[in-house]
């Protein structure tokens, strides 16, 4: 049961988290719709490339918000809303099954950096691409392929999107965001290189806050995440730098 002091803090964290989530989701939707349906690929590369990179970054942000819902930290006092938001984002992101990914993520926290960790490549805990391939195929299968094909056909034949735009301005940012999330949030933080500080087998990327936000929405402060999995992404810098409640 929450104390008189804890409840206002929880409410404030929920409100802040929802505001950040709305900004990221609405920002992604705006960039995505413009990029796929209105952007001309004949535009200069200095216009097209930032659109791809910004959408990639916002895709990563959406995934991190959905990740928070797996820990119940987006709206901790409203578990049904928490699950609805998580399921919606995961479906939009790549047709993922939120419940399956939630269970796998909790298995990761229970057995980090071991053969029982679904996000870890125990056969080769150093090489990037074999590990990424295992990570990708762990979650992306025929269900996701069929859903994304359905999205693509609807975009082209119902909403009138250009086929090339759907590839360059939608598929490319989505795939790049998966590489970004894996590299900064899983590979660098769990690979067997330097010694780990404790049994969580996780380390923190030593980045300033602005670079941590740009790389992976602070998910690179990964040891802090394993120590405080109930904290939403935007509070991880407080845990790393020891400021804030």
Protein backbone atom coordinates (compact mmCIF):
# COMPACT_ATOMS: atom_id res chain seq x y z
CA UNK A 1 0.00 0.00 0.00
CA UNK A 2 1.33 3.44 -0.94
CA UNK A 3 2.14 5.93 1.78
CA UNK A 4 0.99 9.53 1.69
CA UNK A 5 4.36 10.56 0.26
CA UNK A 6 4.76 7.73 -2.24
CA UNK A 7 1.40 8.16 -3.96
CA UNK A 8 1.96 11.75 -5.20
CA UNK A 9 5.41 10.70 -6.46
CA UNK A 10 3.92 7.75 -8.35
CA UNK A 11 1.24 10.01 -9.84
CA UNK A 12 3.86 12.56 -10.91
CA UNK A 13 6.02 9.84 -12.50
CA UNK A 14 2.99 8.47 -14.35
CA UNK A 15 1.99 11.90 -15.65
CA UNK A 16 5.53 12.70 -16.76
CA UNK A 17 5.92 9.30 -18.40
CA UNK A 18 2.67 9.68 -20.32
CA UNK A 19 3.67 13.15 -21.53
CA UNK A 20 7.02 11.84 -22.79
CA UNK A 21 5.29 8.85 -24.39
CA UNK A 22 2.80 11.11 -26.17
CA UNK A 23 5.62 13.31 -27.48
CA UNK A 24 7.59 10.34 -28.83
CA UNK A 25 4.58 8.53 -30.32
CA UNK A 26 3.06 11.65 -31.90
CA UNK A 27 6.49 12.71 -33.16
CA UNK A 28 7.03 9.31 -34.75
CA UNK A 29 3.55 9.33 -36.30
CA UNK A 30 4.07 12.78 -37.82
CA UNK A 31 7.49 11.96 -39.29
CA UNK A 32 6.34 8.53 -40.44
CA UNK A 33 3.21 9.76 -42.23
CA UNK A 34 5.06 12.59 -43.93
CA UNK A 35 8.01 10.37 -44.92
CA UNK A 36 5.95 7.53 -46.37
CA UNK A 37 3.05 9.41 -47.96
CA UNK A 38 4.28 12.90 -48.80
CA UNK A 39 8.09 13.03 -48.98
CA UNK A 40 9.55 13.02 -52.48
CA UNK A 41 12.66 10.88 -52.77
CA UNK A 42 13.93 13.29 -55.41
CA UNK A 43 14.56 15.73 -52.55
CA UNK A 44 18.19 16.42 -51.60
CA UNK A 45 19.86 13.79 -49.43
CA UNK A 46 20.37 16.35 -46.66
CA UNK A 47 16.56 16.36 -46.28
CA UNK A 48 15.88 12.65 -46.78
CA UNK A 49 18.67 11.32 -44.54
CA UNK A 50 17.63 13.31 -41.43
CA UNK A 51 14.05 12.07 -41.90
CA UNK A 52 15.32 8.49 -41.89
CA UNK A 53 17.55 9.05 -38.85
CA UNK A 54 14.90 10.92 -36.86
CA UNK A 55 12.32 8.22 -37.57
CA UNK A 56 14.88 5.55 -36.59
CA UNK A 57 15.49 7.35 -33.28
CA UNK A 58 11.77 7.77 -32.58
CA UNK A 59 11.20 4.10 -33.42
CA UNK A 60 13.79 3.26 -30.77
CA UNK A 61 12.00 5.56 -28.34
CA UNK A 62 8.69 3.82 -28.97
CA UNK A 63 10.27 0.47 -28.27
CA UNK A 64 11.78 1.76 -25.01
CA UNK A 65 8.35 3.05 -23.93
CA UNK A 66 6.88 -0.39 -24.68
CA UNK A 67 9.77 -1.91 -22.73
CA UNK A 68 8.76 0.19 -19.72
CA UNK A 69 5.25 -1.24 -19.98
CA UNK A 70 6.79 -4.72 -19.69
CA UNK A 71 7.99 -3.65 -16.24
CA UNK A 72 4.69 -1.92 -15.46
CA UNK A 73 6.52 1.38 -14.99
CA UNK A 74 4.68 3.55 -17.51
CA UNK A 75 1.39 3.66 -15.60
CA UNK A 76 2.06 1.57 -12.46
CA UNK A 77 -1.31 2.35 -10.90
CA UNK A 78 -3.21 1.47 -14.07
CA UNK A 79 -2.00 -1.97 -15.25
CA UNK A 80 -4.69 -2.36 -17.93
CA UNK A 81 -3.78 0.96 -19.52
CA UNK A 82 -0.10 0.05 -19.20
CA UNK A 83 -0.71 -3.21 -21.09
CA UNK A 84 -2.89 -1.58 -23.77
CA UNK A 85 -0.20 1.01 -24.55
CA UNK A 86 2.51 -1.65 -24.63
CA UNK A 87 0.53 -3.98 -26.90
CA UNK A 88 -0.36 -1.15 -29.28
CA UNK A 89 3.22 0.07 -29.62
CA UNK A 90 4.63 -3.43 -30.12
CA UNK A 91 2.04 -4.16 -32.80
CA UNK A 92 2.79 -0.91 -34.62
CA UNK A 93 6.54 -1.36 -34.27
CA UNK A 94 6.73 -4.73 -36.04
CA UNK A 95 3.66 -6.83 -35.25
CA UNK A 96 5.27 -8.12 -32.07
CA UNK A 97 3.38 -10.06 -29.40
CA UNK A 98 3.76 -7.90 -26.30
CA UNK A 99 2.97 -10.72 -23.85
CA UNK A 100 5.60 -13.01 -25.40
CA UNK A 101 8.21 -10.26 -25.39
CA UNK A 102 7.34 -9.29 -21.82
CA UNK A 103 7.84 -12.87 -20.60
CA UNK A 104 11.11 -13.18 -22.53
CA UNK A 105 12.33 -9.87 -21.13
CA UNK A 106 11.63 -10.97 -17.58
CA UNK A 107 13.55 -14.17 -18.33
CA UNK A 108 16.41 -11.92 -19.41
CA UNK A 109 16.32 -10.12 -16.07
CA UNK A 110 16.15 -13.40 -14.17
CA UNK A 111 19.15 -14.92 -15.98
CA UNK A 112 21.19 -12.05 -17.47
CA UNK A 113 24.18 -13.02 -19.54
CA UNK A 114 23.66 -16.78 -19.22
CA UNK A 115 22.55 -19.59 -21.50
CA UNK A 116 19.04 -19.19 -20.05
CA UNK A 117 18.91 -15.54 -21.14
CA UNK A 118 16.89 -15.32 -24.40
CA UNK A 119 18.63 -12.04 -25.30
CA UNK A 120 22.15 -13.43 -24.85
CA UNK A 121 24.28 -15.42 -27.27
CA UNK A 122 26.08 -17.87 -24.99
CA UNK A 123 27.69 -19.59 -27.99
CA UNK A 124 29.59 -16.43 -28.91
CA UNK A 125 29.27 -13.58 -26.38
CA UNK A 126 31.64 -11.33 -28.36
CA UNK A 127 30.71 -11.26 -32.07
CA UNK A 128 28.12 -8.65 -33.00
CA UNK A 129 26.37 -10.04 -36.09
CA UNK A 130 25.84 -13.65 -34.94
CA UNK A 131 24.41 -12.29 -31.69
CA UNK A 132 22.20 -9.80 -33.52
CA UNK A 133 20.95 -12.56 -35.81
CA UNK A 134 20.02 -14.72 -32.79
CA UNK A 135 18.39 -11.71 -31.11
CA UNK A 136 16.44 -10.75 -34.24
CA UNK A 137 15.17 -14.25 -35.01
CA UNK A 138 14.24 -14.77 -31.37
CA UNK A 139 11.39 -12.28 -31.81
CA UNK A 140 10.83 -11.84 -35.55
CA UNK A 141 9.09 -14.72 -37.30
CA UNK A 142 6.30 -15.55 -39.74
CA UNK A 143 3.66 -13.75 -37.68
CA UNK A 144 5.58 -10.49 -37.90
CA UNK A 145 6.30 -10.99 -41.61
CA UNK A 146 2.61 -11.53 -42.42
CA UNK A 147 1.52 -8.53 -40.36
CA UNK A 148 4.08 -6.24 -41.99
CA UNK A 149 3.14 -7.51 -45.46
CA UNK A 150 -0.46 -6.67 -44.60
CA UNK A 151 0.57 -3.18 -43.47
CA UNK A 152 2.55 -2.69 -46.67
CA UNK A 153 -0.29 -3.78 -48.95
CA UNK A 154 -2.69 -1.50 -47.09
CA UNK A 155 -0.28 1.42 -47.38
CA UNK A 156 0.14 0.93 -51.14
CA UNK A 157 -3.26 -0.21 -52.36
CA UNK A 158 -5.60 1.45 -49.86
CA UNK A 159 -3.80 4.62 -48.78
CA UNK A 160 -1.81 5.21 -51.97
CA UNK A 161 1.76 5.15 -50.65
CA UNK A 162 4.60 4.80 -53.14
CA UNK A 163 6.26 1.37 -52.95
CA UNK A 164 9.79 2.77 -52.85
CA UNK A 165 8.82 5.19 -50.07
CA UNK A 166 7.52 2.31 -47.97
CA UNK A 167 10.90 0.60 -48.29
CA UNK A 168 13.26 3.53 -47.83
CA UNK A 169 11.22 5.70 -45.48
CA UNK A 170 9.57 2.95 -43.39
CA UNK A 171 11.38 -0.39 -43.58
CA UNK A 172 14.90 1.07 -43.45
CA UNK A 173 14.33 3.21 -40.30
CA UNK A 174 12.55 0.31 -38.58
CA UNK A 175 15.42 -2.12 -39.26
CA UNK A 176 18.04 0.45 -38.31
CA UNK A 177 16.26 1.09 -35.02
CA UNK A 178 16.48 -2.62 -34.16
CA UNK A 179 20.24 -2.48 -34.77
CA UNK A 180 20.46 0.69 -32.67
CA UNK A 181 18.52 -0.85 -29.79
CA UNK A 182 20.53 -4.04 -29.89
CA UNK A 183 23.94 -2.37 -30.16
CA UNK A 184 23.56 0.23 -27.42
CA UNK A 185 21.09 -1.57 -25.15
CA UNK A 186 22.15 -5.22 -25.36
CA UNK A 187 25.46 -5.83 -27.10
CA UNK A 188 27.63 -3.14 -25.49
CA UNK A 189 26.03 -3.64 -22.09
CA UNK A 190 26.10 -7.46 -21.89
CA UNK A 191 29.00 -8.64 -24.06
CA UNK A 192 31.81 -10.48 -22.32
CA UNK A 193 34.69 -8.04 -22.39
CA UNK A 194 35.53 -6.24 -19.15
CA UNK A 195 34.45 -7.66 -15.82
CA UNK A 196 30.87 -6.99 -14.75
CA UNK A 197 30.22 -5.15 -11.47
CA UNK A 198 27.86 -7.80 -10.07
CA UNK A 199 25.58 -10.77 -10.81
CA UNK A 200 23.42 -8.73 -13.19
CA UNK A 201 26.15 -9.20 -15.83
CA UNK A 202 25.39 -5.72 -17.15
CA UNK A 203 27.45 -2.59 -17.55
CA UNK A 204 26.60 1.03 -18.27
CA UNK A 205 27.68 2.96 -21.36
CA UNK A 206 29.72 5.86 -20.07
CA UNK A 207 27.96 8.58 -22.05
CA UNK A 208 26.83 12.06 -21.01
CA UNK A 209 23.08 12.47 -20.74
CA UNK A 210 22.57 14.08 -24.15
CA UNK A 211 24.46 11.30 -25.93
CA UNK A 212 22.73 8.64 -23.86
CA UNK A 213 19.38 10.05 -24.97
CA UNK A 214 20.43 10.16 -28.63
CA UNK A 215 21.86 6.65 -28.69
CA UNK A 216 19.12 4.69 -26.97
CA UNK A 217 16.81 6.76 -24.75
CA UNK A 218 19.08 6.13 -21.74
CA UNK A 219 18.75 2.35 -22.10
CA UNK A 220 22.53 2.31 -22.27
CA UNK A 221 22.51 3.14 -18.55
CA UNK A 222 21.90 -0.54 -18.36
CA UNK A 223 23.36 -1.58 -15.04
CA UNK A 224 21.11 1.02 -13.44
CA UNK A 225 18.17 -0.49 -15.32
CA UNK A 226 18.93 -3.95 -13.92
CA UNK A 227 19.33 -2.53 -10.44
CA UNK A 228 16.10 -0.51 -10.68
CA UNK A 229 13.89 -2.19 -13.33
CA UNK A 230 10.85 -0.36 -11.97
CA UNK A 231 12.29 2.99 -13.08
CA UNK A 232 11.10 4.36 -16.45
CA UNK A 233 13.68 5.23 -19.10
CA UNK A 234 13.73 8.96 -18.37
CA UNK A 235 14.68 8.42 -14.72
CA UNK A 236 17.73 6.22 -15.36
CA UNK A 237 20.09 9.25 -15.48
CA UNK A 238 18.97 10.10 -11.93
CA UNK A 239 20.05 6.64 -10.84
CA UNK A 240 23.37 6.86 -12.67
CA UNK A 241 24.32 10.34 -11.49
CA UNK A 242 22.70 10.13 -8.06
CA UNK A 243 20.36 13.13 -8.39
CA UNK A 244 16.61 13.29 -8.05
CA UNK A 245 14.16 11.32 -5.92
